[in-house]
Amino acid sequence: MSDTYATDIVVNSSVPEYKVSLNKTRAIFTMRQRFWPNGEKIKVFTLADDHPLHQVFTKNNLHMFPHQLRRVWDRITFSGIGRVPIVVGSEEEMLEKVANTPNAIGYLSNEFENEKVRLFISQ
């Protein structure tokens, strides 16, 4: 998988539609922003650190390296101030979890067919 491979951020259809900046998107995936604008708790799903799609997503969508993101999550865990994202084993599981978990966000590499999931608009 090349670094130019497209990665789409996807959300459960329950998530309110609004456009967000790169900084807001990064805040969601680094677990600093924990609630959607409607007050609902955000449920973040990711792939394992060594998964090729996770590496592409981190670089292309968050403009970070995977080890930087891991360091943020480790700090949250060890300090006891929060929880890290839920790690899934495959893109298929990512689609299933985001589709069936209200207020969920995740990412996928290819076209997806599921009426419970839509693209998340990040600018």
PDB file of N, CA and C in Angstrom:
ATOM      1  N   MET A   1       0.848  -1.171   0.000  1.00  0.00           N
ATOM      2  CA  MET A   1       0.000   0.000   0.000  1.00  0.00           C
ATOM      3  C   MET A   1       0.897   1.239   0.000  1.00  0.00           C
ATOM      4  N   SER A   2       0.649   2.139  -0.892  1.00  0.00           N
ATOM      5  CA  SER A   2       1.499   3.325  -0.998  1.00  0.00           C
ATOM      6  C   SER A   2       0.971   4.441  -0.115  1.00  0.00           C
ATOM      7  N   ASP A   3       1.799   5.441   0.136  1.00  0.00           N
ATOM      8  CA  ASP A   3       1.392   6.581   0.947  1.00  0.00           C
ATOM      9  C   ASP A   3       0.338   7.432   0.265  1.00  0.00           C
ATOM     10  N   THR A   4       0.147   7.258  -1.043  1.00  0.00           N
ATOM     11  CA  THR A   4      -0.843   8.050  -1.753  1.00  0.00           C
ATOM     12  C   THR A   4      -2.205   7.368  -1.757  1.00  0.00           C
ATOM     13  N   TYR A   5      -2.299   6.218  -1.145  1.00  0.00           N
ATOM     14  CA  TYR A   5      -3.550   5.481  -1.066  1.00  0.00           C
ATOM     15  C   TYR A   5      -4.579   6.307  -0.308  1.00  0.00           C
ATOM     16  N   ALA A   6      -5.771   6.430  -0.857  1.00  0.00           N
ATOM     17  CA  ALA A   6      -6.804   7.265  -0.242  1.00  0.00           C
ATOM     18  C   ALA A   6      -7.371   6.616   1.007  1.00  0.00           C
ATOM     19  N   THR A   7      -7.498   7.397   2.046  1.00  0.00           N
ATOM     20  CA  THR A   7      -8.098   6.947   3.289  1.00  0.00           C
ATOM     21  C   THR A   7      -9.256   7.882   3.603  1.00  0.00           C
ATOM     22  N   ASP A   8     -10.436   7.319   3.777  1.00  0.00           N
ATOM     23  CA  ASP A   8     -11.609   8.117   4.097  1.00  0.00           C
ATOM     24  C   ASP A   8     -11.938   7.992   5.575  1.00  0.00           C
ATOM     25  N   ILE A   9     -12.188   9.127   6.203  1.00  0.00           N
ATOM     26  CA  ILE A   9     -12.684   9.112   7.574  1.00  0.00           C
ATOM     27  C   ILE A   9     -14.192   8.912   7.470  1.00  0.00           C
ATOM     28  N   VAL A  10     -14.700   7.960   8.251  1.00  0.00           N
ATOM     29  CA  VAL A  10     -16.119   7.638   8.200  1.00  0.00           C
ATOM     30  C   VAL A  10     -16.730   7.731   9.593  1.00  0.00           C
ATOM     31  N   VAL A  11     -18.021   8.036   9.614  1.00  0.00           N
ATOM     32  CA  VAL A  11     -18.745   8.131  10.877  1.00  0.00           C
ATOM     33  C   VAL A  11     -20.068   7.387  10.781  1.00  0.00           C
ATOM     34  N   ASN A  12     -20.590   7.032  11.937  1.00  0.00           N
ATOM     35  CA  ASN A  12     -21.921   6.459  12.019  1.00  0.00           C
ATOM     36  C   ASN A  12     -22.923   7.531  11.598  1.00  0.00           C
ATOM     37  N   SER A  13     -24.015   7.125  11.006  1.00  0.00           N
ATOM     38  CA  SER A  13     -25.005   8.091  10.514  1.00  0.00           C
ATOM     39  C   SER A  13     -25.626   8.930  11.637  1.00  0.00           C
ATOM     40  N   SER A  14     -25.448   8.532  12.900  1.00  0.00           N
ATOM     41  CA  SER A  14     -25.976   9.306  14.030  1.00  0.00           C
ATOM     42  C   SER A  14     -25.172  10.574  14.316  1.00  0.00           C
ATOM     43  N   VAL A  15     -23.958  10.653  13.758  1.00  0.00           N
ATOM     44  CA  VAL A  15     -23.081  11.807  14.016  1.00  0.00           C
ATOM     45  C   VAL A  15     -23.619  13.019  13.259  1.00  0.00           C
ATOM     46  N   PRO A  16     -23.741  14.173  13.929  1.00  0.00           N
ATOM     47  CA  PRO A  16     -24.245  15.363  13.246  1.00  0.00           C
ATOM     48  C   PRO A  16     -23.315  15.774  12.103  1.00  0.00           C
ATOM     49  N   GLU A  17     -23.902  16.252  11.017  1.00  0.00           N
ATOM     50  CA  GLU A  17     -23.092  16.688   9.875  1.00  0.00           C
ATOM     51  C   GLU A  17     -22.556  18.087  10.132  1.00  0.00           C
ATOM     52  N   TYR A  18     -21.252  18.205  10.059  1.00  0.00           N
ATOM     53  CA  TYR A  18     -20.597  19.508  10.137  1.00  0.00           C
ATOM     54  C   TYR A  18     -19.180  19.345   9.606  1.00  0.00           C
ATOM     55  N   LYS A  19     -18.607  20.435   9.134  1.00  0.00           N
ATOM     56  CA  LYS A  19     -17.248  20.383   8.594  1.00  0.00           C
ATOM     57  C   LYS A  19     -16.274  20.756   9.693  1.00  0.00           C
ATOM     58  N   VAL A  20     -15.143  20.038   9.706  1.00  0.00           N
ATOM     59  CA  VAL A  20     -14.152  20.291  10.743  1.00  0.00           C
ATOM     60  C   VAL A  20     -12.780  20.524  10.131  1.00  0.00           C
ATOM     61  N   SER A  21     -11.947  21.197  10.871  1.00  0.00           N
ATOM     62  CA  SER A  21     -10.578  21.471  10.440  1.00  0.00           C
ATOM     63  C   SER A  21      -9.691  20.262  10.717  1.00  0.00           C
ATOM     64  N   LEU A  22      -8.491  20.295  10.175  1.00  0.00           N
ATOM     65  CA  LEU A  22      -7.496  19.269  10.462  1.00  0.00           C
ATOM     66  C   LEU A  22      -7.240  19.200  11.967  1.00  0.00           C
ATOM     67  N   ASN A  23      -7.155  20.363  12.621  1.00  0.00           N
ATOM     68  CA  ASN A  23      -6.888  20.383  14.066  1.00  0.00           C
ATOM     69  C   ASN A  23      -8.006  19.703  14.861  1.00  0.00           C
ATOM     70  N   LYS A  24      -9.260  19.914  14.465  1.00  0.00           N
ATOM     71  CA  LYS A  24     -10.383  19.266  15.156  1.00  0.00           C
ATOM     72  C   LYS A  24     -10.352  17.763  14.904  1.00  0.00           C
ATOM     73  N   THR A  25     -10.053  17.367  13.664  1.00  0.00           N
ATOM     74  CA  THR A  25      -9.959  15.937  13.336  1.00  0.00           C
ATOM     75  C   THR A  25      -8.850  15.303  14.164  1.00  0.00           C
ATOM     76  N   ARG A  26      -7.710  15.965  14.228  1.00  0.00           N
ATOM     77  CA  ARG A  26      -6.590  15.461  15.028  1.00  0.00           C
ATOM     78  C   ARG A  26      -6.988  15.380  16.505  1.00  0.00           C
ATOM     79  N   ALA A  27      -7.727  16.364  16.998  1.00  0.00           N
ATOM     80  CA  ALA A  27      -8.166  16.356  18.395  1.00  0.00           C
ATOM     81  C   ALA A  27      -9.077  15.159  18.683  1.00  0.00           C
ATOM     82  N   ILE A  28      -9.906  14.792  17.723  1.00  0.00           N
ATOM     83  CA  ILE A  28     -10.780  13.626  17.907  1.00  0.00           C
ATOM     84  C   ILE A  28      -9.942  12.360  18.007  1.00  0.00           C
ATOM     85  N   PHE A  29      -9.005  12.165  17.069  1.00  0.00           N
ATOM     86  CA  PHE A  29      -8.235  10.922  17.054  1.00  0.00           C
ATOM     87  C   PHE A  29      -7.137  10.867  18.119  1.00  0.00           C
ATOM     88  N   THR A  30      -6.759  12.012  18.694  1.00  0.00           N
ATOM     89  CA  THR A  30      -5.818  11.990  19.817  1.00  0.00           C
ATOM     90  C   THR A  30      -6.578  11.984  21.146  1.00  0.00           C
ATOM     91  N   MET A  31      -7.904  11.865  21.062  1.00  0.00           N
ATOM     92  CA  MET A  31      -8.781  11.728  22.221  1.00  0.00           C
ATOM     93  C   MET A  31      -8.859  13.002  23.071  1.00  0.00           C
ATOM     94  N   ARG A  32      -8.481  14.143  22.507  1.00  0.00           N
ATOM     95  CA  ARG A  32      -8.606  15.412  23.239  1.00  0.00           C
ATOM     96  C   ARG A  32     -10.018  15.978  23.107  1.00  0.00           C
ATOM     97  N   GLN A  33     -10.660  15.755  21.954  1.00  0.00           N
ATOM     98  CA  GLN A  33     -12.066  16.145  21.805  1.00  0.00           C
ATOM     99  C   GLN A  33     -12.880  14.876  22.005  1.00  0.00           C
ATOM    100  N   ARG A  34     -13.663  14.850  23.067  1.00  0.00           N
ATOM    101  CA  ARG A  34     -14.360  13.618  23.432  1.00  0.00           C
ATOM    102  C   ARG A  34     -15.847  13.635  23.139  1.00  0.00           C
ATOM    103  N   PHE A  35     -16.386  14.805  22.734  1.00  0.00           N
ATOM    104  CA  PHE A  35     -17.823  14.919  22.491  1.00  0.00           C
ATOM    105  C   PHE A  35     -18.102  15.598  21.153  1.00  0.00           C
ATOM    106  N   TRP A  36     -19.170  15.149  20.479  1.00  0.00           N
ATOM    107  CA  TRP A  36     -19.644  15.809  19.259  1.00  0.00           C
ATOM    108  C   TRP A  36     -20.339  17.108  19.661  1.00  0.00           C
ATOM    109  N   PRO A  37     -20.588  18.016  18.699  1.00  0.00           N
ATOM    110  CA  PRO A  37     -21.261  19.284  19.033  1.00  0.00           C
ATOM    111  C   PRO A  37     -22.628  19.107  19.715  1.00  0.00           C
ATOM    112  N   ASN A  38     -23.285  17.967  19.487  1.00  0.00           N
ATOM    113  CA  ASN A  38     -24.589  17.729  20.119  1.00  0.00           C
ATOM    114  C   ASN A  38     -24.462  17.167  21.532  1.00  0.00           C
ATOM    115  N   GLY A  39     -23.228  17.047  22.045  1.00  0.00           N
ATOM    116  CA  GLY A  39     -23.005  16.588  23.407  1.00  0.00           C
ATOM    117  C   GLY A  39     -22.812  15.087  23.560  1.00  0.00           C
ATOM    118  N   GLU A  40     -22.974  14.332  22.475  1.00  0.00           N
ATOM    119  CA  GLU A  40     -22.805  12.881  22.541  1.00  0.00           C
ATOM    120  C   GLU A  40     -21.321  12.513  22.579  1.00  0.00           C
ATOM    121  N   LYS A  41     -20.988  11.471  23.334  1.00  0.00           N
ATOM    122  CA  LYS A  41     -19.596  11.023  23.474  1.00  0.00           C
ATOM    123  C   LYS A  41     -19.116  10.371  22.173  1.00  0.00           C
ATOM    124  N   ILE A  42     -17.940  10.763  21.710  1.00  0.00           N
ATOM    125  CA  ILE A  42     -17.345  10.212  20.485  1.00  0.00           C
ATOM    126  C   ILE A  42     -16.742   8.844  20.797  1.00  0.00           C
ATOM    127  N   LYS A  43     -17.008   7.872  19.932  1.00  0.00           N
ATOM    128  CA  LYS A  43     -16.410   6.542  20.057  1.00  0.00           C
ATOM    129  C   LYS A  43     -15.452   6.359  18.881  1.00  0.00           C
ATOM    130  N   VAL A  44     -14.154   6.317  19.166  1.00  0.00           N
ATOM    131  CA  VAL A  44     -13.120   6.272  18.133  1.00  0.00           C
ATOM    132  C   VAL A  44     -12.641   4.834  17.932  1.00  0.00           C
ATOM    133  N   PHE A  45     -12.582   4.417  16.662  1.00  0.00           N
ATOM    134  CA  PHE A  45     -12.056   3.105  16.291  1.00  0.00           C
ATOM    135  C   PHE A  45     -10.829   3.295  15.412  1.00  0.00           C
ATOM    136  N   THR A  46      -9.795   2.484  15.640  1.00  0.00           N
ATOM    137  CA  THR A  46      -8.594   2.521  14.812  1.00  0.00           C
ATOM    138  C   THR A  46      -8.127   1.093  14.539  1.00  0.00           C
ATOM    139  N   LEU A  47      -7.217   0.993  13.597  1.00  0.00           N
ATOM    140  CA  LEU A  47      -6.530  -0.263  13.329  1.00  0.00           C
ATOM    141  C   LEU A  47      -5.254  -0.297  14.160  1.00  0.00           C
ATOM    142  N   ALA A  48      -4.609  -1.437  14.221  1.00  0.00           N
ATOM    143  CA  ALA A  48      -3.359  -1.579  14.979  1.00  0.00           C
ATOM    144  C   ALA A  48      -2.277  -0.661  14.424  1.00  0.00           C
ATOM    145  N   ASP A  49      -1.357  -0.266  15.294  1.00  0.00           N
ATOM    146  CA  ASP A  49      -0.272   0.653  14.914  1.00  0.00           C
ATOM    147  C   ASP A  49       0.503   0.185  13.690  1.00  0.00           C
ATOM    148  N   ASP A  50       0.699  -1.128  13.560  1.00  0.00           N
ATOM    149  CA  ASP A  50       1.515  -1.642  12.463  1.00  0.00           C
ATOM    150  C   ASP A  50       0.708  -1.977  11.208  1.00  0.00           C
ATOM    151  N   HIS A  51      -0.594  -1.726  11.226  1.00  0.00           N
ATOM    152  CA  HIS A  51      -1.423  -1.976  10.038  1.00  0.00           C
ATOM    153  C   HIS A  51      -1.081  -0.920   8.978  1.00  0.00           C
ATOM    154  N   PRO A  52      -0.850  -1.334   7.726  1.00  0.00           N
ATOM    155  CA  PRO A  52      -0.486  -0.362   6.679  1.00  0.00           C
ATOM    156  C   PRO A  52      -1.501   0.771   6.513  1.00  0.00           C
ATOM    157  N   LEU A  53      -2.780   0.485   6.611  1.00  0.00           N
ATOM    158  CA  LEU A  53      -3.786   1.541   6.463  1.00  0.00           C
ATOM    159  C   LEU A  53      -3.704   2.542   7.612  1.00  0.00           C
ATOM    160  N   HIS A  54      -3.435   2.072   8.816  1.00  0.00           N
ATOM    161  CA  HIS A  54      -3.293   2.981   9.964  1.00  0.00           C
ATOM    162  C   HIS A  54      -2.115   3.934   9.716  1.00  0.00           C
ATOM    163  N   GLN A  55      -1.027   3.406   9.200  1.00  0.00           N
ATOM    164  CA  GLN A  55       0.150   4.232   8.932  1.00  0.00           C
ATOM    165  C   GLN A  55      -0.150   5.291   7.875  1.00  0.00           C
ATOM    166  N   VAL A  56      -0.852   4.905   6.815  1.00  0.00           N
ATOM    167  CA  VAL A  56      -1.221   5.858   5.767  1.00  0.00           C
ATOM    168  C   VAL A  56      -2.205   6.889   6.318  1.00  0.00           C
ATOM    169  N   PHE A  57      -3.202   6.439   7.059  1.00  0.00           N
ATOM    170  CA  PHE A  57      -4.190   7.341   7.642  1.00  0.00           C
ATOM    171  C   PHE A  57      -3.527   8.383   8.543  1.00  0.00           C
ATOM    172  N   THR A  58      -2.650   7.922   9.421  1.00  0.00           N
ATOM    173  CA  THR A  58      -1.994   8.825  10.365  1.00  0.00           C
ATOM    174  C   THR A  58      -1.193   9.899   9.628  1.00  0.00           C
ATOM    175  N   LYS A  59      -0.449   9.480   8.612  1.00  0.00           N
ATOM    176  CA  LYS A  59       0.375  10.439   7.866  1.00  0.00           C
ATOM    177  C   LYS A  59      -0.465  11.367   6.997  1.00  0.00           C
ATOM    178  N   ASN A  60      -1.388  10.813   6.233  1.00  0.00           N
ATOM    179  CA  ASN A  60      -2.132  11.609   5.249  1.00  0.00           C
ATOM    180  C   ASN A  60      -3.297  12.389   5.834  1.00  0.00           C
ATOM    181  N   ASN A  61      -3.993  11.837   6.816  1.00  0.00           N
ATOM    182  CA  ASN A  61      -5.187  12.487   7.342  1.00  0.00           C
ATOM    183  C   ASN A  61      -4.936  13.305   8.604  1.00  0.00           C
ATOM    184  N   LEU A  62      -3.975  12.880   9.416  1.00  0.00           N
ATOM    185  CA  LEU A  62      -3.698  13.603  10.659  1.00  0.00           C
ATOM    186  C   LEU A  62      -2.404  14.408  10.595  1.00  0.00           C
ATOM    187  N   HIS A  63      -1.599  14.161   9.550  1.00  0.00           N
ATOM    188  CA  HIS A  63      -0.303  14.831   9.384  1.00  0.00           C
ATOM    189  C   HIS A  63       0.595  14.583  10.586  1.00  0.00           C
ATOM    190  N   MET A  64       0.596  13.327  11.029  1.00  0.00           N
ATOM    191  CA  MET A  64       1.436  12.877  12.144  1.00  0.00           C
ATOM    192  C   MET A  64       2.055  11.542  11.741  1.00  0.00           C
ATOM    193  N   PHE A  65       3.030  11.121  12.500  1.00  0.00           N
ATOM    194  CA  PHE A  65       3.566   9.780  12.321  1.00  0.00           C
ATOM    195  C   PHE A  65       2.870   8.856  13.316  1.00  0.00           C
ATOM    196  N   PRO A  66       2.725   7.568  12.964  1.00  0.00           N
ATOM    197  CA  PRO A  66       2.059   6.636  13.887  1.00  0.00           C
ATOM    198  C   PRO A  66       2.668   6.617  15.289  1.00  0.00           C
ATOM    199  N   HIS A  67       3.995   6.722  15.381  1.00  0.00           N
ATOM    200  CA  HIS A  67       4.614   6.697  16.718  1.00  0.00           C
ATOM    201  C   HIS A  67       4.251   7.936  17.537  1.00  0.00           C
ATOM    202  N   GLN A  68       4.006   9.074  16.872  1.00  0.00           N
ATOM    203  CA  GLN A  68       3.592  10.278  17.596  1.00  0.00           C
ATOM    204  C   GLN A  68       2.187  10.096  18.177  1.00  0.00           C
ATOM    205  N   LEU A  69       1.309   9.505  17.374  1.00  0.00           N
ATOM    206  CA  LEU A  69      -0.047   9.250  17.833  1.00  0.00           C
ATOM    207  C   LEU A  69      -0.029   8.253  18.995  1.00  0.00           C
ATOM    208  N   ARG A  70       0.775   7.213  18.882  1.00  0.00           N
ATOM    209  CA  ARG A  70       0.896   6.212  19.949  1.00  0.00           C
ATOM    210  C   ARG A  70       1.395   6.864  21.227  1.00  0.00           C
ATOM    211  N   ARG A  71       2.342   7.793  21.131  1.00  0.00           N
ATOM    212  CA  ARG A  71       2.880   8.477  22.306  1.00  0.00           C
ATOM    213  C   ARG A  71       1.776   9.266  23.024  1.00  0.00           C
ATOM    214  N   VAL A  72       0.912   9.931  22.247  1.00  0.00           N
ATOM    215  CA  VAL A  72      -0.210  10.670  22.831  1.00  0.00           C
ATOM    216  C   VAL A  72      -1.136   9.711  23.573  1.00  0.00           C
ATOM    217  N   TRP A  73      -1.477   8.591  22.920  1.00  0.00           N
ATOM    218  CA  TRP A  73      -2.370   7.609  23.552  1.00  0.00           C
ATOM    219  C   TRP A  73      -1.744   7.014  24.812  1.00  0.00           C
ATOM    220  N   ASP A  74      -0.440   6.720  24.761  1.00  0.00           N
ATOM    221  CA  ASP A  74       0.242   6.163  25.937  1.00  0.00           C
ATOM    222  C   ASP A  74       0.201   7.146  27.103  1.00  0.00           C
ATOM    223  N   ARG A  75       0.395   8.427  26.814  1.00  0.00           N
ATOM    224  CA  ARG A  75       0.362   9.448  27.849  1.00  0.00           C
ATOM    225  C   ARG A  75      -1.021   9.503  28.504  1.00  0.00           C
ATOM    226  N   ILE A  76      -2.073   9.423  27.693  1.00  0.00           N
ATOM    227  CA  ILE A  76      -3.450   9.422  28.207  1.00  0.00           C
ATOM    228  C   ILE A  76      -3.668   8.214  29.114  1.00  0.00           C
ATOM    229  N   THR A  77      -3.221   7.058  28.667  1.00  0.00           N
ATOM    230  CA  THR A  77      -3.411   5.818  29.417  1.00  0.00           C
ATOM    231  C   THR A  77      -2.653   5.842  30.734  1.00  0.00           C
ATOM    232  N   PHE A  78      -1.373   6.171  30.668  1.00  0.00           N
ATOM    233  CA  PHE A  78      -0.538   6.113  31.869  1.00  0.00           C
ATOM    234  C   PHE A  78      -0.879   7.193  32.881  1.00  0.00           C
ATOM    235  N   SER A  79      -1.384   8.325  32.410  1.00  0.00           N
ATOM    236  CA  SER A  79      -1.755   9.398  33.336  1.00  0.00           C
ATOM    237  C   SER A  79      -3.135   9.164  33.953  1.00  0.00           C
ATOM    238  N   GLY A  80      -3.901   8.276  33.337  1.00  0.00           N
ATOM    239  CA  GLY A  80      -5.233   7.990  33.853  1.00  0.00           C
ATOM    240  C   GLY A  80      -6.280   9.029  33.513  1.00  0.00           C
ATOM    241  N   ILE A  81      -5.972   9.935  32.571  1.00  0.00           N
ATOM    242  CA  ILE A  81      -6.919  11.004  32.257  1.00  0.00           C
ATOM    243  C   ILE A  81      -7.912  10.650  31.161  1.00  0.00           C
ATOM    244  N   GLY A  82      -7.742   9.508  30.535  1.00  0.00           N
ATOM    245  CA  GLY A  82      -8.670   9.159  29.467  1.00  0.00           C
ATOM    246  C   GLY A  82      -8.470   7.755  28.962  1.00  0.00           C
ATOM    247  N   ARG A  83      -9.201   7.445  27.910  1.00  0.00           N
ATOM    248  CA  ARG A  83      -9.124   6.131  27.287  1.00  0.00           C
ATOM    249  C   ARG A  83      -8.618   6.281  25.868  1.00  0.00           C
ATOM    250  N   VAL A  84      -7.984   5.226  25.406  1.00  0.00           N
ATOM    251  CA  VAL A  84      -7.490   5.211  24.033  1.00  0.00           C
ATOM    252  C   VAL A  84      -8.580   4.681  23.108  1.00  0.00           C
ATOM    253  N   PRO A  85      -8.420   4.858  21.787  1.00  0.00           N
ATOM    254  CA  PRO A  85      -9.413   4.330  20.852  1.00  0.00           C
ATOM    255  C   PRO A  85      -9.526   2.807  20.947  1.00  0.00           C
ATOM    256  N   ILE A  86     -10.615   2.295  20.437  1.00  0.00           N
ATOM    257  CA  ILE A  86     -10.836   0.857  20.373  1.00  0.00           C
ATOM    258  C   ILE A  86     -10.162   0.337  19.107  1.00  0.00           C
ATOM    259  N   VAL A  87      -9.267  -0.630  19.256  1.00  0.00           N
ATOM    260  CA  VAL A  87      -8.531  -1.178  18.111  1.00  0.00           C
ATOM    261  C   VAL A  87      -9.315  -2.345  17.526  1.00  0.00           C
ATOM    262  N   VAL A  88      -9.495  -2.305  16.205  1.00  0.00           N
ATOM    263  CA  VAL A  88     -10.163  -3.393  15.490  1.00  0.00           C
ATOM    264  C   VAL A  88      -9.138  -4.124  14.629  1.00  0.00           C
ATOM    265  N   GLY A  89      -9.471  -5.343  14.223  1.00  0.00           N
ATOM    266  CA  GLY A  89      -8.509  -6.191  13.534  1.00  0.00           C
ATOM    267  C   GLY A  89      -8.454  -6.069  12.029  1.00  0.00           C
ATOM    268  N   SER A  90      -9.477  -5.461  11.412  1.00  0.00           N
ATOM    269  CA  SER A  90      -9.510  -5.390   9.950  1.00  0.00           C
ATOM    270  C   SER A  90     -10.418  -4.252   9.502  1.00  0.00           C
ATOM    271  N   GLU A  91     -10.343  -3.920   8.216  1.00  0.00           N
ATOM    272  CA  GLU A  91     -11.244  -2.898   7.683  1.00  0.00           C
ATOM    273  C   GLU A  91     -12.694  -3.360   7.744  1.00  0.00           C
ATOM    274  N   GLU A  92     -12.917  -4.648   7.527  1.00  0.00           N
ATOM    275  CA  GLU A  92     -14.276  -5.182   7.591  1.00  0.00           C
ATOM    276  C   GLU A  92     -14.852  -4.977   8.988  1.00  0.00           C
ATOM    277  N   GLU A  93     -14.035  -5.248  10.010  1.00  0.00           N
ATOM    278  CA  GLU A  93     -14.485  -5.042  11.384  1.00  0.00           C
ATOM    279  C   GLU A  93     -14.683  -3.550  11.661  1.00  0.00           C
ATOM    280  N   MET A  94     -13.819  -2.703  11.102  1.00  0.00           N
ATOM    281  CA  MET A  94     -13.958  -1.251  11.264  1.00  0.00           C
ATOM    282  C   MET A  94     -15.315  -0.804  10.715  1.00  0.00           C
ATOM    283  N   LEU A  95     -15.657  -1.239   9.515  1.00  0.00           N
ATOM    284  CA  LEU A  95     -16.935  -0.873   8.914  1.00  0.00           C
ATOM    285  C   LEU A  95     -18.097  -1.363   9.774  1.00  0.00           C
ATOM    286  N   GLU A  96     -18.013  -2.582  10.244  1.00  0.00           N
ATOM    287  CA  GLU A  96     -19.075  -3.165  11.059  1.00  0.00           C
ATOM    288  C   GLU A  96     -19.230  -2.387  12.374  1.00  0.00           C
ATOM    289  N   LYS A  97     -18.124  -2.053  13.027  1.00  0.00           N
ATOM    290  CA  LYS A  97     -18.171  -1.338  14.312  1.00  0.00           C
ATOM    291  C   LYS A  97     -18.710   0.084  14.143  1.00  0.00           C
ATOM    292  N   VAL A  98     -18.206   0.800  13.135  1.00  0.00           N
ATOM    293  CA  VAL A  98     -18.674   2.179  12.918  1.00  0.00           C
ATOM    294  C   VAL A  98     -20.151   2.175  12.533  1.00  0.00           C
ATOM    295  N   ALA A  99     -20.560   1.222  11.698  1.00  0.00           N
ATOM    296  CA  ALA A  99     -21.956   1.148  11.264  1.00  0.00           C
ATOM    297  C   ALA A  99     -22.906   0.856  12.418  1.00  0.00           C
ATOM    298  N   ASN A 100     -22.463   0.071  13.378  1.00  0.00           N
ATOM    299  CA  ASN A 100     -23.353  -0.392  14.436  1.00  0.00           C
ATOM    300  C   ASN A 100     -23.125   0.257  15.797  1.00  0.00           C
ATOM    301  N   THR A 101     -22.277   1.284  15.855  1.00  0.00           N
ATOM    302  CA  THR A 101     -22.010   1.981  17.112  1.00  0.00           C
ATOM    303  C   THR A 101     -22.399   3.447  16.957  1.00  0.00           C
ATOM    304  N   PRO A 102     -23.461   3.888  17.610  1.00  0.00           N
ATOM    305  CA  PRO A 102     -23.829   5.304  17.531  1.00  0.00           C
ATOM    306  C   PRO A 102     -22.664   6.203  17.948  1.00  0.00           C
ATOM    307  N   ASN A 103     -22.514   7.327  17.241  1.00  0.00           N
ATOM    308  CA  ASN A 103     -21.495   8.351  17.518  1.00  0.00           C
ATOM    309  C   ASN A 103     -20.069   7.883  17.247  1.00  0.00           C
ATOM    310  N   ALA A 104     -19.907   6.839  16.433  1.00  0.00           N
ATOM    311  CA  ALA A 104     -18.583   6.277  16.146  1.00  0.00           C
ATOM    312  C   ALA A 104     -17.908   6.984  14.973  1.00  0.00           C
ATOM    313  N   ILE A 105     -16.560   6.934  15.004  1.00  0.00           N
ATOM    314  CA  ILE A 105     -15.730   7.449  13.917  1.00  0.00           C
ATOM    315  C   ILE A 105     -14.589   6.463  13.694  1.00  0.00           C
ATOM    316  N   GLY A 106     -14.173   6.343  12.438  1.00  0.00           N
ATOM    317  CA  GLY A 106     -13.067   5.466  12.079  1.00  0.00           C
ATOM    318  C   GLY A 106     -12.564   5.838  10.695  1.00  0.00           C
ATOM    319  N   TYR A 107     -11.916   4.916  10.019  1.00  0.00           N
ATOM    320  CA  TYR A 107     -11.410   5.196   8.677  1.00  0.00           C
ATOM    321  C   TYR A 107     -11.345   3.919   7.857  1.00  0.00           C
ATOM    322  N   LEU A 108     -11.476   4.097   6.537  1.00  0.00           N
ATOM    323  CA  LEU A 108     -11.462   2.983   5.588  1.00  0.00           C
ATOM    324  C   LEU A 108     -10.674   3.382   4.354  1.00  0.00           C
ATOM    325  N   SER A 109     -10.187   2.397   3.615  1.00  0.00           N
ATOM    326  CA  SER A 109      -9.382   2.700   2.433  1.00  0.00           C
ATOM    327  C   SER A 109     -10.166   2.657   1.137  1.00  0.00           C
ATOM    328  N   ASN A 110     -11.291   1.997   1.133  1.00  0.00           N
ATOM    329  CA  ASN A 110     -11.965   1.838  -0.148  1.00  0.00           C
ATOM    330  C   ASN A 110     -13.431   2.204  -0.058  1.00  0.00           C
ATOM    331  N   GLU A 111     -14.078   2.144  -1.208  1.00  0.00           N
ATOM    332  CA  GLU A 111     -15.501   2.437  -1.265  1.00  0.00           C
ATOM    333  C   GLU A 111     -16.241   1.489  -0.331  1.00  0.00           C
ATOM    334  N   PHE A 112     -17.229   1.995   0.345  1.00  0.00           N
ATOM    335  CA  PHE A 112     -17.987   1.165   1.259  1.00  0.00           C
ATOM    336  C   PHE A 112     -19.460   1.321   0.931  1.00  0.00           C
ATOM    337  N   GLU A 113     -20.184   0.264   1.126  1.00  0.00           N
ATOM    338  CA  GLU A 113     -21.626   0.264   0.875  1.00  0.00           C
ATOM    339  C   GLU A 113     -22.318  -0.043   2.194  1.00  0.00           C
ATOM    340  N   ASN A 114     -22.777   0.991   2.870  1.00  0.00           N
ATOM    341  CA  ASN A 114     -23.492   0.786   4.112  1.00  0.00           C
ATOM    342  C   ASN A 114     -24.255   2.068   4.430  1.00  0.00           C
ATOM    343  N   GLU A 115     -25.572   1.965   4.518  1.00  0.00           N
ATOM    344  CA  GLU A 115     -26.392   3.149   4.745  1.00  0.00           C
ATOM    345  C   GLU A 115     -26.238   3.719   6.156  1.00  0.00           C
ATOM    346  N   LYS A 116     -25.603   2.973   7.063  1.00  0.00           N
ATOM    347  CA  LYS A 116     -25.400   3.449   8.431  1.00  0.00           C
ATOM    348  C   LYS A 116     -24.096   4.221   8.597  1.00  0.00           C
ATOM    349  N   VAL A 117     -23.318   4.339   7.518  1.00  0.00           N
ATOM    350  CA  VAL A 117     -22.009   4.992   7.564  1.00  0.00           C
ATOM    351  C   VAL A 117     -21.943   6.059   6.467  1.00  0.00           C
ATOM    352  N   ARG A 118     -21.321   7.195   6.798  1.00  0.00           N
ATOM    353  CA  ARG A 118     -21.106   8.239   5.787  1.00  0.00           C
ATOM    354  C   ARG A 118     -19.722   8.853   5.964  1.00  0.00           C
ATOM    355  N   LEU A 119     -19.300   9.575   4.952  1.00  0.00           N
ATOM    356  CA  LEU A 119     -18.001  10.243   5.009  1.00  0.00           C
ATOM    357  C   LEU A 119     -18.034  11.373   6.036  1.00  0.00           C
ATOM    358  N   PHE A 120     -16.916  11.592   6.674  1.00  0.00           N
ATOM    359  CA  PHE A 120     -16.731  12.697   7.617  1.00  0.00           C
ATOM    360  C   PHE A 120     -15.970  13.773   6.871  1.00  0.00           C
ATOM    361  N   ILE A 121     -16.502  14.970   6.809  1.00  0.00           N
ATOM    362  CA  ILE A 121     -15.894  16.034   6.016  1.00  0.00           C
ATOM    363  C   ILE A 121     -14.872  16.787   6.859  1.00  0.00           C
ATOM    364  N   SER A 122     -13.610  16.633   6.479  1.00  0.00           N
ATOM    365  CA  SER A 122     -12.515  17.325   7.160  1.00  0.00           C
ATOM    366  C   SER A 122     -11.836  18.247   6.149  1.00  0.00           C
ATOM    367  N   GLN A 123     -11.605  19.491   6.533  1.00  0.00           N
ATOM    368  CA  GLN A 123     -10.997  20.451   5.612  1.00  0.00           C
ATOM    369  C   GLN A 123      -9.596  20.776   6.002  1.00  0.00           C
TER     370      GLN A 123
END
